[in-house]
Protein backbone atom coordinates (compact mmCIF):
# COMPACT_ATOMS: atom_id res chain seq x y z
CA MET A 1 -14.33 -5.10 45.17
CA GLN A 2 -14.95 -7.15 42.06
CA ASP A 3 -18.44 -8.08 40.88
CA ASP A 4 -19.34 -11.64 39.90
CA SER A 5 -18.31 -11.21 36.25
CA GLY A 6 -14.82 -10.01 37.13
CA ILE A 7 -14.97 -7.63 34.21
CA ALA A 8 -13.82 -4.12 34.90
CA PHE A 9 -13.35 -2.82 31.32
CA ARG A 10 -16.30 -3.22 29.01
CA LEU A 11 -15.23 -2.43 25.43
CA LEU A 12 -17.85 -4.40 23.63
CA GLY A 13 -20.94 -2.16 23.44
CA ARG A 14 -20.94 0.91 25.59
CA PHE A 15 -17.50 1.72 26.99
CA GLU A 16 -17.66 1.40 30.83
CA VAL A 17 -15.06 0.83 33.57
CA GLY A 18 -15.70 -0.45 37.09
CA PHE A 19 -16.80 -3.44 38.97
CA GLY A 20 -20.61 -3.17 39.39
CA GLU A 21 -21.27 0.58 39.29
CA PRO A 22 -19.45 2.25 36.35
CA LEU A 23 -16.90 4.89 37.30
CA LYS A 24 -17.31 8.45 36.05
CA LEU A 25 -14.41 8.72 33.58
CA GLY A 26 -14.71 12.39 32.57
CA GLY A 27 -15.21 13.92 29.16
CA PRO A 28 -15.07 12.23 25.77
CA LYS A 29 -11.39 12.85 25.05
CA GLN A 30 -10.32 11.62 28.47
CA ARG A 31 -12.52 8.56 28.04
CA GLY A 32 -11.01 8.08 24.59
CA VAL A 33 -7.49 7.98 26.09
CA LEU A 34 -8.55 5.26 28.48
CA ALA A 35 -10.34 3.29 25.76
CA MET A 36 -7.20 3.37 23.59
CA LEU A 37 -5.11 2.09 26.45
CA ALA A 38 -7.71 -0.64 27.26
CA VAL A 39 -7.79 -1.88 23.65
CA ASP A 40 -3.96 -2.28 23.77
CA HIS A 41 -3.73 -3.21 27.48
CA GLY A 42 -0.33 -4.50 28.41
CA ARG A 43 1.34 -2.78 25.38
CA LEU A 44 2.81 0.66 24.93
CA VAL A 45 0.55 3.27 23.39
CA THR A 46 2.69 6.26 22.37
CA VAL A 47 1.68 9.85 23.05
CA ASP A 48 1.81 10.43 19.24
CA ARG A 49 -0.59 7.53 18.67
CA ILE A 50 -2.97 8.82 21.42
CA ALA A 51 -2.85 12.35 19.98
CA ASP A 52 -3.61 11.04 16.44
CA GLY A 53 -6.41 8.86 17.76
CA ILE A 54 -8.08 11.53 19.89
CA TRP A 55 -7.36 14.76 17.90
CA GLY A 56 -6.68 13.41 14.40
CA GLY A 57 -4.42 15.43 12.20
CA GLU A 58 -4.67 18.58 14.25
CA PRO A 59 -3.59 17.84 17.88
CA GLY A 60 -2.21 21.26 18.68
CA ALA A 61 1.03 22.28 20.38
CA LYS A 62 0.16 21.36 23.92
CA VAL A 63 -1.25 17.91 23.31
CA ALA A 64 1.38 16.03 25.33
CA GLY A 65 0.59 18.15 28.43
CA THR A 66 -3.15 17.63 27.84
CA ILE A 67 -2.64 13.85 27.64
CA GLN A 68 -0.58 13.97 30.82
CA VAL A 69 -3.43 15.73 32.61
CA TYR A 70 -5.97 13.21 31.31
CA VAL A 71 -3.78 10.35 32.49
CA SER A 72 -3.37 11.90 35.94
CA ASN A 73 -7.15 12.32 36.26
CA LEU A 74 -7.65 8.71 35.10
CA ARG A 75 -5.19 7.42 37.66
CA ARG A 76 -7.24 9.21 40.39
CA ILE A 77 -10.50 7.89 39.01
CA LEU A 78 -9.23 4.36 38.71
CA GLN A 79 -8.00 4.23 42.33
CA PRO A 80 -10.61 1.66 43.38
CA LEU A 81 -9.34 -0.71 40.69
CA ARG A 82 -5.74 -0.03 41.66
CA ASP A 83 -6.56 -1.11 45.17
CA GLU A 84 -7.55 -4.57 43.71
CA LEU A 85 -4.13 -5.01 42.09
CA ASP A 86 -1.79 -3.10 44.48
CA HIS A 87 0.08 -1.49 41.60
CA ASP A 88 -0.40 1.45 39.29
CA LEU A 89 -2.77 0.75 36.43
CA ILE A 90 -1.39 3.31 34.02
CA VAL A 91 2.34 3.55 33.83
CA TRP A 92 4.67 5.76 31.72
CA GLN A 93 7.21 3.85 29.57
CA HIS A 94 9.66 5.87 27.40
CA THR A 95 7.29 7.47 24.85
CA GLY A 96 3.79 6.57 26.02
CA TYR A 97 1.58 4.78 28.48
CA VAL A 98 0.73 1.19 29.33
CA LEU A 99 -2.51 -0.07 30.98
CA ARG A 100 -1.53 -2.86 33.33
CA VAL A 101 -4.59 -4.90 34.11
CA PRO A 102 -5.28 -8.63 33.88
CA SER A 103 -6.66 -9.70 30.54
CA ASP A 104 -9.65 -11.29 32.24
CA TRP A 105 -10.75 -7.82 33.46
CA ILE A 106 -11.44 -6.84 29.81
CA ASP A 107 -14.51 -8.21 28.06
CA ALA A 108 -12.92 -8.02 24.61
CA ALA A 109 -9.91 -10.01 25.78
CA ARG A 110 -12.23 -12.67 27.25
CA PHE A 111 -14.07 -12.81 23.97
CA ASP A 112 -10.89 -13.29 22.02
CA GLN A 113 -9.78 -16.04 24.35
CA ALA A 114 -13.13 -17.83 23.99
CA VAL A 115 -12.92 -17.58 20.17
CA GLN A 116 -9.36 -19.04 20.20
CA ALA A 117 -10.41 -21.81 22.61
CA GLY A 118 -13.45 -22.66 20.42
């Protein structure tokens, strides 16, 4: 259930996800994958771009499989948020992943909207 702010993804300041009590998102690289998807919510983030953002120039041979495991873990962790929307939050599209959440669930998107309105 949503808290009063309606914000599930806090990108400004400490990265947190969840309504009210923050969800336990796993280790730093898994959290990094979700942060990258949240920054570009609604848009495709390719596996290559995730690999470069998380591992830099040395991602290793099995990086696509590792990213797939991280995404699988994140889907399970985000289940309470999925129940709010009744659709998958992270979806595969061609060469990468898309985070499908309403813009008003993300504090940075709300901030951008307020700046544009002002």
